[in-house]
PDB file of all heavy atoms in Angstrom:
ATOM      1  N   LEU A   1      -0.623   0.270 -15.008  1.00  0.00           N
ATOM      2  CA  LEU A   1      -0.097   0.608 -13.644  1.00  0.00           C
ATOM      3  C   LEU A   1       1.046   1.556 -13.730  1.00  0.00           C
ATOM      4  O   LEU A   1       1.149   2.646 -13.033  1.00  0.00           O
ATOM      5  CB  LEU A   1       0.282  -0.677 -12.979  1.00  0.00           C
ATOM      6  CG  LEU A   1       0.860  -0.473 -11.561  1.00  0.00           C
ATOM      7  CD1 LEU A   1      -0.126   0.106 -10.552  1.00  0.00           C
ATOM      8  CD2 LEU A   1       1.416  -1.821 -10.976  1.00  0.00           C
ATOM      9  N   LEU A   2       2.040   1.300 -14.614  1.00  0.00           N
ATOM     10  CA  LEU A   2       3.242   2.136 -14.676  1.00  0.00           C
ATOM     11  C   LEU A   2       2.905   3.498 -15.213  1.00  0.00           C
ATOM     12  O   LEU A   2       3.740   4.467 -14.932  1.00  0.00           O
ATOM     13  CB  LEU A   2       4.249   1.463 -15.533  1.00  0.00           C
ATOM     14  CG  LEU A   2       4.911   0.168 -14.945  1.00  0.00           C
ATOM     15  CD1 LEU A   2       5.731  -0.520 -16.043  1.00  0.00           C
ATOM     16  CD2 LEU A   2       5.748   0.549 -13.751  1.00  0.00           C
ATOM     17  N   VAL A   3       1.868   3.704 -15.978  1.00  0.00           N
ATOM     18  CA  VAL A   3       1.447   5.094 -16.404  1.00  0.00           C
ATOM     19  C   VAL A   3       1.317   5.912 -15.242  1.00  0.00           C
ATOM     20  O   VAL A   3       1.764   7.176 -15.198  1.00  0.00           O
ATOM     21  CB  VAL A   3       0.121   4.963 -17.202  1.00  0.00           C
ATOM     22  CG1 VAL A   3      -0.478   6.435 -17.319  1.00  0.00           C
ATOM     23  CG2 VAL A   3       0.346   4.320 -18.544  1.00  0.00           C
ATOM     24  N   PHE A   4       0.708   5.433 -14.187  1.00  0.00           N
ATOM     25  CA  PHE A   4       0.385   6.281 -12.999  1.00  0.00           C
ATOM     26  C   PHE A   4       1.551   6.257 -11.995  1.00  0.00           C
ATOM     27  O   PHE A   4       1.960   7.318 -11.492  1.00  0.00           O
ATOM     28  CB  PHE A   4      -0.931   5.791 -12.395  1.00  0.00           C
ATOM     29  CG  PHE A   4      -2.128   5.916 -13.356  1.00  0.00           C
ATOM     30  CD1 PHE A   4      -2.633   4.827 -13.896  1.00  0.00           C
ATOM     31  CD2 PHE A   4      -2.599   7.243 -13.664  1.00  0.00           C
ATOM     32  CE1 PHE A   4      -3.745   4.966 -14.791  1.00  0.00           C
ATOM     33  CE2 PHE A   4      -3.659   7.358 -14.578  1.00  0.00           C
ATOM     34  CZ  PHE A   4      -4.247   6.176 -15.109  1.00  0.00           C
ATOM     35  N   ILE A   5       1.908   5.099 -11.508  1.00  0.00           N
ATOM     36  CA  ILE A   5       2.964   5.083 -10.316  1.00  0.00           C
ATOM     37  C   ILE A   5       4.285   5.593 -10.787  1.00  0.00           C
ATOM     38  O   ILE A   5       5.106   5.874  -9.961  1.00  0.00           O
ATOM     39  CB  ILE A   5       2.980   3.690  -9.699  1.00  0.00           C
ATOM     40  CG1 ILE A   5       3.617   2.669 -10.615  1.00  0.00           C
ATOM     41  CG2 ILE A   5       1.633   3.266  -9.281  1.00  0.00           C
ATOM     42  CD1 ILE A   5       3.898   1.335  -9.980  1.00  0.00           C
ATOM     43  N   GLY A   6       4.479   5.743 -12.096  1.00  0.00           N
ATOM     44  CA  GLY A   6       5.758   6.367 -12.596  1.00  0.00           C
ATOM     45  C   GLY A   6       5.840   7.834 -12.287  1.00  0.00           C
ATOM     46  O   GLY A   6       6.797   8.432 -12.516  1.00  0.00           O
ATOM     47  N   ALA A   7       4.655   8.412 -11.809  1.00  0.00           N
ATOM     48  CA  ALA A   7       4.535   9.799 -11.381  1.00  0.00           C
ATOM     49  C   ALA A   7       4.292   9.829  -9.912  1.00  0.00           C
ATOM     50  O   ALA A   7       3.162  10.088  -9.482  1.00  0.00           O
ATOM     51  CB  ALA A   7       3.482  10.541 -12.126  1.00  0.00           C
ATOM     52  N   PRO A   8       5.250   9.502  -9.143  1.00  0.00           N
ATOM     53  CA  PRO A   8       5.005   9.287  -7.631  1.00  0.00           C
ATOM     54  C   PRO A   8       4.683  10.545  -6.848  1.00  0.00           C
ATOM     55  O   PRO A   8       4.324  10.489  -5.728  1.00  0.00           O
ATOM     56  CB  PRO A   8       6.296   8.724  -7.206  1.00  0.00           C
ATOM     57  CG  PRO A   8       7.357   9.252  -8.125  1.00  0.00           C
ATOM     58  CD  PRO A   8       6.669   9.280  -9.479  1.00  0.00           C
ATOM     59  N   GLY A   9       4.837  11.814  -7.483  1.00  0.00           N
ATOM     60  CA  GLY A   9       4.476  12.921  -6.740  1.00  0.00           C
ATOM     61  C   GLY A   9       2.911  13.053  -6.683  1.00  0.00           C
ATOM     62  O   GLY A   9       2.375  13.671  -5.805  1.00  0.00           O
ATOM     63  N   ARG A  10       2.264  12.458  -7.578  1.00  0.00           N
ATOM     64  CA  ARG A  10       0.731  12.552  -7.618  1.00  0.00           C
ATOM     65  C   ARG A  10       0.113  11.176  -7.305  1.00  0.00           C
ATOM     66  O   ARG A  10      -0.975  11.185  -6.653  1.00  0.00           O
ATOM     67  CB  ARG A  10       0.341  13.105  -8.951  1.00  0.00           C
ATOM     68  CG  ARG A  10      -1.254  13.070  -9.069  1.00  0.00           C
ATOM     69  CD  ARG A  10      -1.639  14.009 -10.247  1.00  0.00           C
ATOM     70  NE  ARG A  10      -3.069  13.859 -10.353  1.00  0.00           N
ATOM     71  CZ  ARG A  10      -3.812  14.624 -11.229  1.00  0.00           C
ATOM     72  NH1 ARG A  10      -3.237  15.410 -12.053  1.00  0.00           N
ATOM     73  NH2 ARG A  10      -5.193  14.574 -11.205  1.00  0.00           N
ATOM     74  N   TYR A  11       0.524  10.153  -7.908  1.00  0.00           N
ATOM     75  CA  TYR A  11      -0.009   8.757  -7.771  1.00  0.00           C
ATOM     76  C   TYR A  11       0.818   7.917  -6.860  1.00  0.00           C
ATOM     77  O   TYR A  11       1.947   7.747  -7.074  1.00  0.00           O
ATOM     78  CB  TYR A  11      -0.239   8.144  -9.131  1.00  0.00           C
ATOM     79  CG  TYR A  11      -1.029   8.934 -10.103  1.00  0.00           C
ATOM     80  CD1 TYR A  11      -0.441   9.792 -11.022  1.00  0.00           C
ATOM     81  CD2 TYR A  11      -2.393   8.874 -10.033  1.00  0.00           C
ATOM     82  CE1 TYR A  11      -1.212  10.585 -11.880  1.00  0.00           C
ATOM     83  CE2 TYR A  11      -3.202   9.720 -10.955  1.00  0.00           C
ATOM     84  CZ  TYR A  11      -2.583  10.469 -11.876  1.00  0.00           C
ATOM     85  OH  TYR A  11      -3.402  11.271 -12.709  1.00  0.00           O
ATOM     86  N   VAL A  12       0.184   7.337  -5.797  1.00  0.00           N
ATOM     87  CA  VAL A  12       0.940   6.512  -4.852  1.00  0.00           C
ATOM     88  C   VAL A  12       0.221   5.208  -4.606  1.00  0.00           C
ATOM     89  O   VAL A  12      -0.974   5.093  -4.625  1.00  0.00           O
ATOM     90  CB  VAL A  12       1.099   7.241  -3.480  1.00  0.00           C
ATOM     91  CG1 VAL A  12       1.908   8.500  -3.693  1.00  0.00           C
ATOM     92  CG2 VAL A  12      -0.211   7.545  -2.841  1.00  0.00           C
ATOM     93  N   VAL A  13       1.028   4.131  -4.531  1.00  0.00           N
ATOM     94  CA  VAL A  13       0.480   2.823  -4.250  1.00  0.00           C
ATOM     95  C   VAL A  13       0.042   2.729  -2.828  1.00  0.00           C
ATOM     96  O   VAL A  13       0.752   2.996  -1.891  1.00  0.00           O
ATOM     97  CB  VAL A  13       1.553   1.733  -4.443  1.00  0.00           C
ATOM     98  CG1 VAL A  13       0.944   0.315  -4.068  1.00  0.00           C
ATOM     99  CG2 VAL A  13       2.028   1.695  -5.933  1.00  0.00           C
ATOM    100  N   GLU A  14      -1.303   2.576  -2.628  1.00  0.00           N
ATOM    101  CA  GLU A  14      -1.898   2.540  -1.294  1.00  0.00           C
ATOM    102  C   GLU A  14      -1.864   1.181  -0.717  1.00  0.00           C
ATOM    103  O   GLU A  14      -1.663   1.007   0.530  1.00  0.00           O
ATOM    104  CB  GLU A  14      -3.397   2.934  -1.449  1.00  0.00           C
ATOM    105  CG  GLU A  14      -4.087   3.289  -0.184  1.00  0.00           C
ATOM    106  CD  GLU A  14      -5.544   3.759  -0.449  1.00  0.00           C
ATOM    107  OE1 GLU A  14      -6.353   3.083  -0.886  1.00  0.00           O
ATOM    108  OE2 GLU A  14      -5.722   5.084  -0.155  1.00  0.00           O
ATOM    109  N   SER A  15      -2.145   0.104  -1.556  1.00  0.00           N
ATOM    110  CA  SER A  15      -2.125  -1.307  -1.020  1.00  0.00           C
ATOM    111  C   SER A  15      -1.907  -2.224  -2.180  1.00  0.00           C
ATOM    112  O   SER A  15      -2.081  -1.907  -3.292  1.00  0.00           O
ATOM    113  CB  SER A  15      -3.359  -1.630  -0.244  1.00  0.00           C
ATOM    114  OG  SER A  15      -4.531  -1.597  -1.160  1.00  0.00           O
ATOM    115  N   VAL A  16      -1.463  -3.511  -1.765  1.00  0.00           N
ATOM    116  CA  VAL A  16      -1.302  -4.582  -2.754  1.00  0.00           C
ATOM    117  C   VAL A  16      -1.923  -5.776  -2.126  1.00  0.00           C
ATOM    118  O   VAL A  16      -1.761  -6.089  -0.945  1.00  0.00           O
ATOM    119  CB  VAL A  16       0.201  -4.812  -3.019  1.00  0.00           C
ATOM    120  CG1 VAL A  16       0.412  -5.927  -4.052  1.00  0.00           C
ATOM    121  CG2 VAL A  16       0.973  -3.581  -3.454  1.00  0.00           C
ATOM    122  N   THR A  17      -2.705  -6.501  -2.985  1.00  0.00           N
ATOM    123  CA  THR A  17      -3.368  -7.716  -2.504  1.00  0.00           C
ATOM    124  C   THR A  17      -3.036  -8.923  -3.485  1.00  0.00           C
ATOM    125  O   THR A  17      -2.817  -8.717  -4.673  1.00  0.00           O
ATOM    126  CB  THR A  17      -4.895  -7.620  -2.439  1.00  0.00           C
ATOM    127  OG1 THR A  17      -5.437  -7.124  -3.703  1.00  0.00           O
ATOM    128  CG2 THR A  17      -5.287  -6.562  -1.370  1.00  0.00           C
ATOM    129  N   ALA A  18      -3.056 -10.127  -2.927  1.00  0.00           N
ATOM    130  CA  ALA A  18      -2.792 -11.242  -3.696  1.00  0.00           C
ATOM    131  C   ALA A  18      -4.030 -11.722  -4.474  1.00  0.00           C
ATOM    132  O   ALA A  18      -5.097 -11.897  -3.922  1.00  0.00           O
ATOM    133  CB  ALA A  18      -2.273 -12.394  -2.800  1.00  0.00           C
ATOM    134  N   LYS A  19      -3.883 -11.880  -5.828  1.00  0.00           N
ATOM    135  CA  LYS A  19      -5.045 -12.294  -6.595  1.00  0.00           C
ATOM    136  C   LYS A  19      -5.494 -13.706  -6.282  1.00  0.00           C
ATOM    137  O   LYS A  19      -6.645 -14.112  -6.373  1.00  0.00           O
ATOM    138  CB  LYS A  19      -4.763 -12.202  -8.063  1.00  0.00           C
ATOM    139  CG  LYS A  19      -4.678 -10.756  -8.546  1.00  0.00           C
ATOM    140  CD  LYS A  19      -3.900 -10.607  -9.884  1.00  0.00           C
ATOM    141  CE  LYS A  19      -4.582 -11.303 -10.983  1.00  0.00           C
ATOM    142  NZ  LYS A  19      -3.955 -11.103 -12.291  1.00  0.00           N
ATOM    143  N   SER A  20      -4.533 -14.612  -5.805  1.00  0.00           N
ATOM    144  CA  SER A  20      -4.878 -15.988  -5.528  1.00  0.00           C
ATOM    145  C   SER A  20      -5.803 -16.180  -4.362  1.00  0.00           C
ATOM    146  O   SER A  20      -6.624 -17.063  -4.326  1.00  0.00           O
ATOM    147  CB  SER A  20      -3.642 -16.887  -5.394  1.00  0.00           C
ATOM    148  OG  SER A  20      -2.830 -16.300  -4.382  1.00  0.00           O
ATOM    149  N   THR A  21      -5.493 -15.362  -3.332  1.00  0.00           N
ATOM    150  CA  THR A  21      -6.315 -15.527  -2.089  1.00  0.00           C
ATOM    151  C   THR A  21      -7.083 -14.261  -1.673  1.00  0.00           C
ATOM    152  O   THR A  21      -7.961 -14.390  -0.760  1.00  0.00           O
ATOM    153  CB  THR A  21      -5.341 -15.818  -0.896  1.00  0.00           C
ATOM    154  OG1 THR A  21      -4.397 -14.707  -0.790  1.00  0.00           O
ATOM    155  CG2 THR A  21      -4.511 -17.068  -1.224  1.00  0.00           C
ATOM    156  N   GLY A  22      -6.782 -13.069  -2.283  1.00  0.00           N
ATOM    157  CA  GLY A  22      -7.429 -11.832  -1.868  1.00  0.00           C
ATOM    158  C   GLY A  22      -6.836 -11.237  -0.557  1.00  0.00           C
ATOM    159  O   GLY A  22      -7.246 -10.180  -0.111  1.00  0.00           O
ATOM    160  N   ALA A  23      -5.696 -11.872  -0.057  1.00  0.00           N
ATOM    161  CA  ALA A  23      -5.154 -11.431   1.178  1.00  0.00           C
ATOM    162  C   ALA A  23      -4.372 -10.144   0.955  1.00  0.00           C
ATOM    163  O   ALA A  23      -3.678 -10.012  -0.141  1.00  0.00           O
ATOM    164  CB  ALA A  23      -4.250 -12.534   1.704  1.00  0.00           C
ATOM    165  N   ILE A  24      -4.344  -9.312   1.882  1.00  0.00           N
ATOM    166  CA  ILE A  24      -3.539  -8.025   1.951  1.00  0.00           C
ATOM    167  C   ILE A  24      -2.120  -8.361   1.999  1.00  0.00           C
ATOM    168  O   ILE A  24      -1.657  -9.176   2.840  1.00  0.00           O
ATOM    169  CB  ILE A  24      -3.922  -7.119   2.977  1.00  0.00           C
ATOM    170  CG1 ILE A  24      -3.259  -5.711   2.802  1.00  0.00           C
ATOM    171  CG2 ILE A  24      -3.725  -7.648   4.359  1.00  0.00           C
ATOM    172  CD1 ILE A  24      -3.836  -4.902   1.706  1.00  0.00           C
ATOM    173  N   GLY A  25      -1.252  -7.766   1.079  1.00  0.00           N
ATOM    174  CA  GLY A  25       0.184  -8.049   1.115  1.00  0.00           C
ATOM    175  C   GLY A  25       1.026  -6.970   1.542  1.00  0.00           C
ATOM    176  O   GLY A  25       2.138  -7.084   2.099  1.00  0.00           O
ATOM    177  N   ALA A  26       0.505  -5.597   1.254  1.00  0.00           N
ATOM    178  CA  ALA A  26       1.291  -4.490   1.600  1.00  0.00           C
ATOM    179  C   ALA A  26       0.292  -3.221   1.734  1.00  0.00           C
ATOM    180  O   ALA A  26      -0.690  -3.153   1.018  1.00  0.00           O
ATOM    181  CB  ALA A  26       2.342  -4.194   0.546  1.00  0.00           C
ATOM    182  N   VAL A  27       0.676  -2.387   2.647  1.00  0.00           N
ATOM    183  CA  VAL A  27      -0.040  -1.119   2.844  1.00  0.00           C
ATOM    184  C   VAL A  27       0.936   0.031   3.007  1.00  0.00           C
ATOM    185  O   VAL A  27       2.031  -0.275   3.586  1.00  0.00           O
ATOM    186  CB  VAL A  27      -1.072  -1.163   3.938  1.00  0.00           C
ATOM    187  CG1 VAL A  27      -2.221  -2.109   3.666  1.00  0.00           C
ATOM    188  CG2 VAL A  27      -0.374  -1.461   5.251  1.00  0.00           C
ATOM    189  N   SER A  28       0.595   1.151   2.536  1.00  0.00           N
ATOM    190  CA  SER A  28       1.512   2.306   2.747  1.00  0.00           C
ATOM    191  C   SER A  28       0.790   3.510   3.264  1.00  0.00           C
ATOM    192  O   SER A  28      -0.437   3.590   3.039  1.00  0.00           O
ATOM    193  CB  SER A  28       2.264   2.610   1.522  1.00  0.00           C
ATOM    194  OG  SER A  28       1.400   3.230   0.511  1.00  0.00           O
ATOM    195  N   SER A  29       1.526   4.442   3.863  1.00  0.00           N
ATOM    196  CA  SER A  29       0.870   5.683   4.227  1.00  0.00           C
ATOM    197  C   SER A  29       0.859   6.544   2.976  1.00  0.00           C
ATOM    198  O   SER A  29       1.796   6.556   2.159  1.00  0.00           O
ATOM    199  CB  SER A  29       1.678   6.415   5.284  1.00  0.00           C
ATOM    200  OG  SER A  29       3.028   6.617   4.935  1.00  0.00           O
ATOM    201  N   THR A  30      -0.273   7.227   2.796  1.00  0.00           N
ATOM    202  CA  THR A  30      -0.363   7.981   1.534  1.00  0.00           C
ATOM    203  C   THR A  30      -0.662   9.467   1.799  1.00  0.00           C
ATOM    204  O   THR A  30      -1.020  10.275   0.955  1.00  0.00           O
ATOM    205  CB  THR A  30      -1.561   7.496   0.663  1.00  0.00           C
ATOM    206  OG1 THR A  30      -2.784   7.435   1.523  1.00  0.00           O
ATOM    207  CG2 THR A  30      -1.218   6.108   0.163  1.00  0.00           C
ATOM    208  N   GLN A  31      -0.520   9.864   3.083  1.00  0.00           N
ATOM    209  CA  GLN A  31      -0.845  11.310   3.451  1.00  0.00           C
ATOM    210  C   GLN A  31       0.244  12.209   2.889  1.00  0.00           C
ATOM    211  O   GLN A  31       1.451  11.951   2.884  1.00  0.00           O
ATOM    212  CB  GLN A  31      -0.903  11.474   4.944  1.00  0.00           C
ATOM    213  CG  GLN A  31      -1.930  10.659   5.661  1.00  0.00           C
ATOM    214  CD  GLN A  31      -1.717   9.159   5.758  1.00  0.00           C
ATOM    215  OE1 GLN A  31      -0.529   8.824   5.837  1.00  0.00           O
ATOM    216  NE2 GLN A  31      -2.758   8.434   5.830  1.00  0.00           N
ATOM    217  N   ARG A  32      -0.226  13.362   2.358  1.00  0.00           N
ATOM    218  CA  ARG A  32       0.735  14.362   1.895  1.00  0.00           C
ATOM    219  C   ARG A  32       0.402  15.664   2.743  1.00  0.00           C
ATOM    220  O   ARG A  32      -0.607  16.313   2.529  1.00  0.00           O
ATOM    221  CB  ARG A  32       0.616  14.687   0.460  1.00  0.00           C
ATOM    222  CG  ARG A  32       1.082  13.581  -0.512  1.00  0.00           C
ATOM    223  CD  ARG A  32       1.453  14.098  -1.902  1.00  0.00           C
ATOM    224  NE  ARG A  32       2.563  15.079  -1.876  1.00  0.00           N
ATOM    225  CZ  ARG A  32       3.092  15.567  -2.963  1.00  0.00           C
ATOM    226  NH1 ARG A  32       2.656  15.252  -4.140  1.00  0.00           N
ATOM    227  NH2 ARG A  32       4.127  16.411  -2.910  1.00  0.00           N
TER     228      ARG A  32
END
């Protein structure tokens, strides 16, 4: 994961989900 998100100009975290429940935990805008 850090290989990519450590270059935030190109790779951005779009969403995060919990593995235990599959529930959405975070979302971000990714438009450039």
